[in-house]
């Protein structure tokens, strides 16, 4: 014998049941569209390019047209075939693709820097697996011709120093047109690209070649920054570059003891902040860090690797910003850096992406509301309410 509630459902007119199903489909579709598409526009729309402080004092030649709009992100860690589950890959790559494409559309940066660890298994990848990872990366991070993409090498792309080989390095360099010690100059601003994995200092072939390129580039930059009325014989044959203090881009941070001094909602968790860093693994060695500071006297250093945010001042004058991971697999609140940069100044602003915990909370709330609506429509919620109403009526009587 059918229960009263089921009998009621069967007795509902077909038109009303179809109408109710259509309402449910619209509700579910609206939740999915918002949580998987629109939320990225809502969150990133709140981010604005920072103004360059003191730009008015830099000279009459620096106008808004000379400000380079740079978007900096790190540690995307595209999962591979060994450790990556297909569902995890599908979810994380969709999140990063929507974030990146939305940011490009809303913010329209001039240049995008990715500070290493683009791939999670580049250090192990077979040629076939590498080709598959590259195909997915190019789909996720496709960009218009007006936006330049510059990618720095990380330890997961070519392996730690003991795993690094010429084959892996050449494979990465060929794909991204990257070489350690490469200089790119945009709107008068010099950027130095560093293969920090090759800063081991043990004299290996790759390390020696990388350091030689950095030393040669350091010589050119230092000569270019000297005043024209004080030429030196040492710089007579050097090719002149824009006289702008460079910005270093690398994967490993310069040496610091730990993240104990790092602050902010996206810094390392409290239980990890006081864990000492291991040189040549978590950060560069003290010797390699001093070399880079001596060679280039940079006005800013941008790095990744730790997956958490940190700001450090080296030698009392050189700021370093560690950029958090761009992947939700590594943090609940990923972000990227927006930089307004001129040849003499810069200003940085952090743009947070949607928190995954909030997206899950919205899904849970929508699921609970959907269950209530279905139960109410099927009149399965009527008996308890009717019973409570009768109790109240009896008490009043």
Protein backbone atom coordinates (compact mmCIF):
# COMPACT_ATOMS: atom_id res chain seq x y z
CA UNK A 1 0.00 0.00 0.00
CA UNK A 2 1.41 3.42 -1.01
CA UNK A 3 2.14 5.99 1.68
CA UNK A 4 0.03 9.21 1.68
CA UNK A 5 3.03 11.31 0.60
CA UNK A 6 3.83 9.11 -2.39
CA UNK A 7 0.16 9.04 -3.33
CA UNK A 8 0.14 12.84 -3.25
CA UNK A 9 3.18 13.00 -5.53
CA UNK A 10 1.60 10.59 -8.02
CA UNK A 11 -1.61 12.60 -8.03
CA UNK A 12 0.20 15.84 -8.90
CA UNK A 13 -0.57 17.00 -12.42
CA UNK A 14 2.16 16.20 -14.93
CA UNK A 15 2.51 19.87 -15.81
CA UNK A 16 3.29 20.83 -12.20
CA UNK A 17 5.86 18.05 -11.87
CA UNK A 18 7.64 19.16 -15.05
CA UNK A 19 7.55 22.76 -13.87
CA UNK A 20 9.09 21.76 -10.54
CA UNK A 21 11.82 19.74 -12.28
CA UNK A 22 12.65 22.71 -14.49
CA UNK A 23 12.96 24.92 -11.41
CA UNK A 24 15.35 22.40 -9.84
CA UNK A 25 17.45 22.28 -13.01
CA UNK A 26 17.61 26.09 -13.10
CA UNK A 27 18.60 26.21 -9.43
CA UNK A 28 21.36 23.60 -9.81
CA UNK A 29 22.62 25.21 -13.03
CA UNK A 30 22.74 28.64 -11.39
CA UNK A 31 24.80 27.31 -8.48
CA UNK A 32 27.22 25.53 -10.82
CA UNK A 33 27.64 28.55 -13.11
CA UNK A 34 28.31 30.86 -10.19
CA UNK A 35 30.71 28.56 -8.31
CA UNK A 36 32.62 27.38 -11.38
CA UNK A 37 32.61 30.49 -13.55
CA UNK A 38 31.15 33.75 -12.26
CA UNK A 39 32.83 33.68 -8.85
CA UNK A 40 36.22 34.27 -10.48
CA UNK A 41 34.92 37.47 -12.09
CA UNK A 42 33.33 38.62 -8.83
CA UNK A 43 36.56 38.14 -6.84
CA UNK A 44 39.18 39.28 -9.37
CA UNK A 45 37.10 42.31 -10.39
CA UNK A 46 37.90 43.76 -6.96
CA UNK A 47 41.66 43.80 -7.74
CA UNK A 48 43.15 47.01 -9.10
CA UNK A 49 46.60 47.86 -10.43
CA UNK A 50 48.60 49.71 -7.77
CA UNK A 51 49.83 53.23 -8.40
CA UNK A 52 53.56 53.79 -8.50
CA UNK A 53 54.41 55.90 -5.48
CA UNK A 54 56.80 58.71 -6.15
CA UNK A 55 56.47 58.28 -9.90
CA UNK A 56 55.97 62.01 -10.32
CA UNK A 57 59.46 62.61 -8.98
CA UNK A 58 61.12 60.17 -11.34
CA UNK A 59 61.17 62.54 -14.28
CA UNK A 60 58.97 64.00 -16.94
CA UNK A 61 59.58 61.07 -19.28
CA UNK A 62 57.74 58.63 -17.01
CA UNK A 63 54.07 58.73 -17.84
CA UNK A 64 51.28 56.23 -17.38
CA UNK A 65 52.29 54.77 -20.75
CA UNK A 66 55.76 53.89 -19.39
CA UNK A 67 54.36 51.87 -16.48
CA UNK A 68 54.72 48.14 -17.08
CA UNK A 69 51.77 46.11 -15.77
CA UNK A 70 53.20 42.76 -14.66
CA UNK A 71 51.28 39.79 -13.29
CA UNK A 72 53.43 37.41 -11.20
CA UNK A 73 52.43 33.91 -10.11
CA UNK A 74 54.27 30.79 -9.01
CA UNK A 75 54.11 27.04 -8.43
CA UNK A 76 51.22 25.95 -10.63
CA UNK A 77 52.33 22.29 -10.26
CA UNK A 78 50.35 20.73 -13.11
CA UNK A 79 49.85 17.15 -11.96
CA UNK A 80 51.42 14.34 -13.98
CA UNK A 81 50.59 10.75 -14.79
CA UNK A 82 52.44 9.25 -11.80
CA UNK A 83 51.01 11.08 -8.77
CA UNK A 84 48.06 12.90 -10.31
CA UNK A 85 44.56 11.42 -10.05
CA UNK A 86 42.39 12.32 -13.05
CA UNK A 87 39.68 13.93 -10.90
CA UNK A 88 42.23 15.99 -8.96
CA UNK A 89 43.85 17.13 -12.22
CA UNK A 90 40.50 18.02 -13.74
CA UNK A 91 39.46 20.11 -10.73
CA UNK A 92 42.76 21.95 -10.14
CA UNK A 93 43.41 22.69 -13.78
CA UNK A 94 39.90 24.05 -14.28
CA UNK A 95 40.36 26.34 -11.26
CA UNK A 96 43.71 27.67 -12.49
CA UNK A 97 42.52 28.06 -16.06
CA UNK A 98 39.43 30.04 -15.04
CA UNK A 99 41.48 32.23 -12.69
CA UNK A 100 44.16 32.95 -15.25
CA UNK A 101 41.82 33.60 -18.16
CA UNK A 102 39.56 35.80 -16.00
CA UNK A 103 42.56 37.81 -14.76
CA UNK A 104 43.78 38.32 -18.32
CA UNK A 105 40.37 39.51 -19.45
CA UNK A 106 39.75 41.86 -16.52
CA UNK A 107 43.26 43.16 -15.80
CA UNK A 108 44.96 43.01 -19.23
CA UNK A 109 48.59 42.81 -18.03
CA UNK A 110 51.48 43.63 -20.35
CA UNK A 111 53.52 40.66 -19.17
CA UNK A 112 53.01 37.55 -17.02
CA UNK A 113 55.83 35.89 -15.06
CA UNK A 114 55.52 32.32 -13.73
CA UNK A 115 58.26 31.73 -11.15
CA UNK A 116 58.94 28.03 -11.62
CA UNK A 117 57.47 24.63 -10.80
CA UNK A 118 55.09 24.88 -13.72
CA UNK A 119 54.89 21.09 -13.81
CA UNK A 120 54.76 18.74 -10.84
CA UNK A 121 56.54 15.81 -12.47
CA UNK A 122 58.82 17.46 -15.02
CA UNK A 123 61.80 15.91 -13.22
CA UNK A 124 60.42 12.39 -13.96
CA UNK A 125 58.47 12.87 -17.17
CA UNK A 126 58.98 10.63 -20.16
CA UNK A 127 58.81 12.39 -23.56
CA UNK A 128 55.18 11.31 -23.98
CA UNK A 129 54.15 12.46 -20.49
CA UNK A 130 56.03 15.73 -21.00
CA UNK A 131 54.18 16.36 -24.28
CA UNK A 132 50.84 15.74 -22.53
CA UNK A 133 51.69 18.13 -19.69
CA UNK A 134 52.81 20.79 -22.18
CA UNK A 135 49.58 20.46 -24.15
CA UNK A 136 47.49 20.99 -21.01
CA UNK A 137 49.65 23.92 -19.89
CA UNK A 138 49.28 25.67 -23.24
CA UNK A 139 45.51 25.26 -23.07
CA UNK A 140 45.26 26.60 -19.53
CA UNK A 141 47.63 29.52 -19.95
CA UNK A 142 46.87 30.61 -23.49
CA UNK A 143 47.20 34.35 -23.86
CA UNK A 144 46.69 37.05 -26.47
CA UNK A 145 49.55 38.45 -28.52
CA UNK A 146 49.36 41.69 -26.53
CA UNK A 147 50.39 39.82 -23.35
CA UNK A 148 53.83 38.25 -23.03
CA UNK A 149 54.36 35.08 -20.99
CA UNK A 150 57.75 34.49 -19.34
CA UNK A 151 58.37 31.25 -17.45
CA UNK A 152 61.23 30.62 -14.98
CA UNK A 153 62.56 27.13 -14.30
CA UNK A 154 61.93 25.38 -10.96
CA UNK A 155 63.14 22.21 -9.28
CA UNK A 156 59.99 20.26 -10.21
CA UNK A 157 60.52 21.19 -13.86
CA UNK A 158 64.07 19.82 -14.16
CA UNK A 159 64.69 18.17 -10.78
CA UNK A 160 66.75 19.17 -7.79
CA UNK A 161 70.45 19.64 -8.43
CA UNK A 162 71.21 15.93 -8.06
CA UNK A 163 68.43 15.10 -10.56
CA UNK A 164 69.13 17.91 -13.04
CA UNK A 165 70.46 16.82 -16.44
CA UNK A 166 71.32 18.66 -19.65
CA UNK A 167 68.43 16.88 -21.39
CA UNK A 168 65.84 18.16 -18.89
CA UNK A 169 67.28 21.68 -18.90
CA UNK A 170 67.39 21.85 -22.71
CA UNK A 171 63.84 20.49 -22.95
CA UNK A 172 62.55 23.24 -20.68
CA UNK A 173 64.64 25.97 -22.35
CA UNK A 174 63.44 24.98 -25.81
CA UNK A 175 59.79 25.09 -24.74
CA UNK A 176 59.85 28.42 -22.90
CA UNK A 177 62.83 30.15 -24.56
CA UNK A 178 64.45 30.35 -21.15
CA UNK A 179 68.14 30.52 -20.28
CA UNK A 180 69.73 31.33 -16.96
CA UNK A 181 71.31 34.76 -17.09
CA UNK A 182 68.90 35.94 -19.74
CA UNK A 183 67.96 39.61 -19.66
CA UNK A 184 64.64 40.94 -20.87
CA UNK A 185 63.98 44.67 -20.96
CA UNK A 186 60.42 45.97 -21.16
CA UNK A 187 59.56 49.69 -21.05
CA UNK A 188 63.04 50.49 -19.77
CA UNK A 189 62.92 47.98 -16.90
CA UNK A 190 65.55 45.21 -16.76
CA UNK A 191 64.55 41.71 -15.60
CA UNK A 192 67.18 39.04 -14.95
CA UNK A 193 66.04 35.40 -15.23
CA UNK A 194 67.93 33.02 -12.94
CA UNK A 195 68.05 29.23 -12.90
CA UNK A 196 68.31 28.99 -9.12
CA UNK A 197 68.57 25.18 -9.24
CA UNK A 198 71.96 25.68 -10.95
CA UNK A 199 73.26 27.93 -8.15
CA UNK A 200 74.66 24.93 -6.27
CA UNK A 201 78.22 26.25 -6.38
CA UNK A 202 79.84 22.84 -6.88
CA UNK A 203 81.30 23.57 -10.31
CA UNK A 204 79.06 21.19 -12.24
CA UNK A 205 78.87 21.82 -16.00
CA UNK A 206 75.38 23.31 -15.94
CA UNK A 207 76.15 25.37 -12.83
CA UNK A 208 79.40 26.76 -14.26
CA UNK A 209 77.77 27.74 -17.56
CA UNK A 210 74.88 29.39 -15.73
CA UNK A 211 77.15 31.38 -13.41
CA UNK A 212 79.34 32.48 -16.34
CA UNK A 213 76.30 33.94 -18.10
CA UNK A 214 75.22 35.72 -14.92
CA UNK A 215 78.69 37.22 -14.41
CA UNK A 216 78.80 38.46 -18.02
CA UNK A 217 75.34 39.98 -17.68
CA UNK A 218 76.32 41.58 -14.37
CA UNK A 219 79.27 43.24 -16.12
CA UNK A 220 77.01 44.68 -18.85
CA UNK A 221 74.45 45.99 -16.35
CA UNK A 222 77.06 47.55 -14.07
CA UNK A 223 78.72 49.28 -17.01
CA UNK A 224 75.38 50.59 -18.25
CA UNK A 225 74.61 52.12 -14.85
CA UNK A 226 77.85 54.10 -14.74
CA UNK A 227 77.70 57.77 -15.65
CA UNK A 228 78.64 58.58 -19.23
CA UNK A 229 81.12 61.25 -18.13
CA UNK A 230 83.02 58.68 -16.07
CA UNK A 231 83.78 55.96 -18.62
CA UNK A 232 86.20 53.21 -17.70
CA UNK A 233 88.43 51.12 -19.89
CA UNK A 234 86.85 48.00 -18.44
CA UNK A 235 83.49 48.99 -19.92
CA UNK A 236 84.70 50.27 -23.27
CA UNK A 237 83.50 47.21 -25.19
CA UNK A 238 80.39 46.48 -23.13
CA UNK A 239 77.01 46.75 -24.82
CA UNK A 240 75.01 49.45 -23.09
CA UNK A 241 71.64 48.57 -21.59
CA UNK A 242 68.95 50.78 -20.04
CA UNK A 243 70.45 52.26 -16.87
CA UNK A 244 67.87 50.70 -14.57
CA UNK A 245 68.60 48.58 -11.51
CA UNK A 246 67.42 45.07 -12.39
CA UNK A 247 64.67 42.93 -10.91
CA UNK A 248 65.68 39.31 -10.24
CA UNK A 249 63.22 36.54 -11.11
CA UNK A 250 63.96 33.06 -9.73
CA UNK A 251 62.35 30.03 -8.17
CA UNK A 252 64.31 29.53 -4.94
CA UNK A 253 64.24 32.39 -2.42
CA UNK A 254 67.51 33.89 -1.26
CA UNK A 255 68.82 32.54 2.01
CA UNK A 256 66.77 33.14 5.14
CA UNK A 257 66.71 31.08 8.33
CA UNK A 258 62.97 30.38 8.29
CA UNK A 259 59.59 31.97 7.71
CA UNK A 260 59.41 33.15 11.33
CA UNK A 261 59.33 36.83 10.33
CA UNK A 262 56.74 36.36 7.57
CA UNK A 263 53.28 37.79 8.16
CA UNK A 264 49.93 37.89 6.41
CA UNK A 265 46.97 35.59 5.93
CA UNK A 266 48.79 33.65 3.21
CA UNK A 267 52.08 33.24 5.06
CA UNK A 268 53.18 29.82 6.32
CA UNK A 269 51.03 28.14 9.01
CA UNK A 270 52.16 28.85 12.60
CA UNK A 271 53.45 25.30 13.07
CA UNK A 272 55.76 25.67 10.04
CA UNK A 273 57.08 29.21 10.53
CA UNK A 274 59.87 28.31 12.96
CA UNK A 275 61.07 25.23 11.07
CA UNK A 276 64.64 26.01 9.92
CA UNK A 277 65.16 26.14 6.15
CA UNK A 278 67.68 23.83 4.54
CA UNK A 279 70.17 25.55 2.26
CA UNK A 280 70.13 24.44 -1.40
CA UNK A 281 66.78 22.76 -0.79
CA UNK A 282 64.31 25.25 0.72
CA UNK A 283 66.37 28.35 -0.07
CA UNK A 284 69.60 29.23 -1.85
CA UNK A 285 72.83 28.88 0.06
CA UNK A 286 74.24 31.93 1.82
CA UNK A 287 77.13 31.99 -0.65
CA UNK A 288 74.88 31.88 -3.73
CA UNK A 289 72.61 34.54 -2.24
CA UNK A 290 75.56 36.87 -1.62
CA UNK A 291 76.80 36.33 -5.18
CA UNK A 292 73.48 37.40 -6.71
CA UNK A 293 73.30 40.47 -4.47
CA UNK A 294 76.90 41.45 -5.26
CA UNK A 295 76.60 40.84 -8.98
CA UNK A 296 73.35 42.67 -9.66
CA UNK A 297 72.48 44.99 -6.73
CA UNK A 298 68.81 44.35 -7.58
CA UNK A 299 66.05 46.72 -6.50
CA UNK A 300 63.60 43.79 -6.12
CA UNK A 301 63.73 40.00 -6.01
CA UNK A 302 60.70 37.85 -6.84
CA UNK A 303 60.73 34.15 -5.94
CA UNK A 304 58.43 31.19 -5.27
CA UNK A 305 59.06 27.61 -4.09
CA UNK A 306 57.77 27.83 -0.49
CA UNK A 307 54.07 28.00 -1.55
CA UNK A 308 53.59 30.71 1.11
CA UNK A 309 53.92 34.48 1.09
CA UNK A 310 56.83 36.31 2.67
CA UNK A 311 58.56 39.68 2.44
CA UNK A 312 62.22 39.94 3.40
CA UNK A 313 64.71 42.81 3.32
CA UNK A 314 68.24 41.69 2.42
CA UNK A 315 71.26 43.70 3.54
CA UNK A 316 68.90 46.40 4.73
CA UNK A 317 68.08 47.60 1.21
CA UNK A 318 66.96 44.83 -1.18
CA UNK A 319 63.36 43.62 -0.80
CA UNK A 320 62.39 40.08 -1.74
CA UNK A 321 58.81 38.93 -2.20
CA UNK A 322 58.06 35.20 -2.11
CA UNK A 323 54.93 34.58 -4.19
CA UNK A 324 52.48 31.93 -2.87
CA UNK A 325 51.34 28.98 -4.95
CA UNK A 326 48.71 29.59 -7.65
CA UNK A 327 47.21 26.12 -7.12
CA UNK A 328 44.37 25.20 -4.75
CA UNK A 329 46.11 21.89 -4.22
CA UNK A 330 48.78 23.73 -2.24
CA UNK A 331 46.66 26.32 -0.43
CA UNK A 332 43.08 27.24 0.39
CA UNK A 333 43.67 30.88 -0.62
CA UNK A 334 45.88 31.12 -3.73
CA UNK A 335 46.88 34.52 -5.05
CA UNK A 336 49.06 36.33 -7.53
CA UNK A 337 50.99 39.61 -7.50
CA UNK A 338 50.08 42.65 -9.58
CA UNK A 339 53.05 44.94 -10.18
CA UNK A 340 53.15 48.45 -11.65
CA UNK A 341 56.80 48.90 -12.61
CA UNK A 342 58.82 51.77 -14.05
CA UNK A 343 62.59 52.00 -14.67
CA UNK A 344 63.04 53.71 -11.28
CA UNK A 345 60.19 52.53 -9.08
CA UNK A 346 57.61 49.81 -8.51
CA UNK A 347 54.45 49.12 -6.55
CA UNK A 348 53.02 45.67 -5.77
CA UNK A 349 49.52 44.54 -4.86
CA UNK A 350 48.28 41.04 -4.02
CA UNK A 351 45.14 39.71 -5.68
CA UNK A 352 43.51 36.78 -3.87
CA UNK A 353 41.53 34.12 -5.69
CA UNK A 354 38.30 32.52 -4.39
CA UNK A 355 38.80 30.49 -1.24
CA UNK A 356 38.03 26.86 -1.91
CA UNK A 357 36.47 26.47 1.54
CA UNK A 358 33.90 29.16 0.67
CA UNK A 359 33.06 27.47 -2.62
CA UNK A 360 32.52 24.17 -0.80
CA UNK A 361 30.37 25.95 1.80
CA UNK A 362 28.19 27.38 -0.97
CA UNK A 363 27.79 23.94 -2.49
CA UNK A 364 26.81 22.48 0.91
CA UNK A 365 24.29 25.27 1.55
CA UNK A 366 22.82 24.85 -1.93
CA UNK A 367 22.59 21.08 -1.42
CA UNK A 368 20.78 21.49 1.90
CA UNK A 369 18.34 24.00 0.38
CA UNK A 370 17.75 21.69 -2.57
CA UNK A 371 16.93 18.80 -0.21
CA UNK A 372 14.47 20.97 1.72
CA UNK A 373 12.75 22.08 -1.48
CA UNK A 374 12.38 18.51 -2.74
CA UNK A 375 11.03 17.25 0.59
CA UNK A 376 8.59 20.13 0.86
CA UNK A 377 7.39 19.59 -2.70
CA UNK A 378 6.83 15.91 -2.01
CA UNK A 379 4.98 16.90 1.20
CA UNK A 380 7.34 14.75 3.25
CA UNK A 381 7.86 17.69 5.59
CA UNK A 382 4.12 18.21 6.16
CA UNK A 383 3.47 15.50 8.85
CA UNK A 384 6.04 16.84 11.38
CA UNK A 385 4.77 20.40 10.97
CA UNK A 386 1.16 19.22 11.14
CA UNK A 387 1.94 17.23 14.30
CA UNK A 388 3.55 20.29 15.93
CA UNK A 389 0.59 22.45 14.93
CA UNK A 390 -1.86 19.99 16.55
CA UNK A 391 0.16 20.01 19.78
CA UNK A 392 0.05 23.78 19.91
CA UNK A 393 -3.70 23.82 19.20
CA UNK A 394 -4.38 21.31 22.01
CA UNK A 395 -2.30 23.32 24.46
CA UNK A 396 -4.23 26.49 23.60
CA UNK A 397 -7.52 24.65 24.00
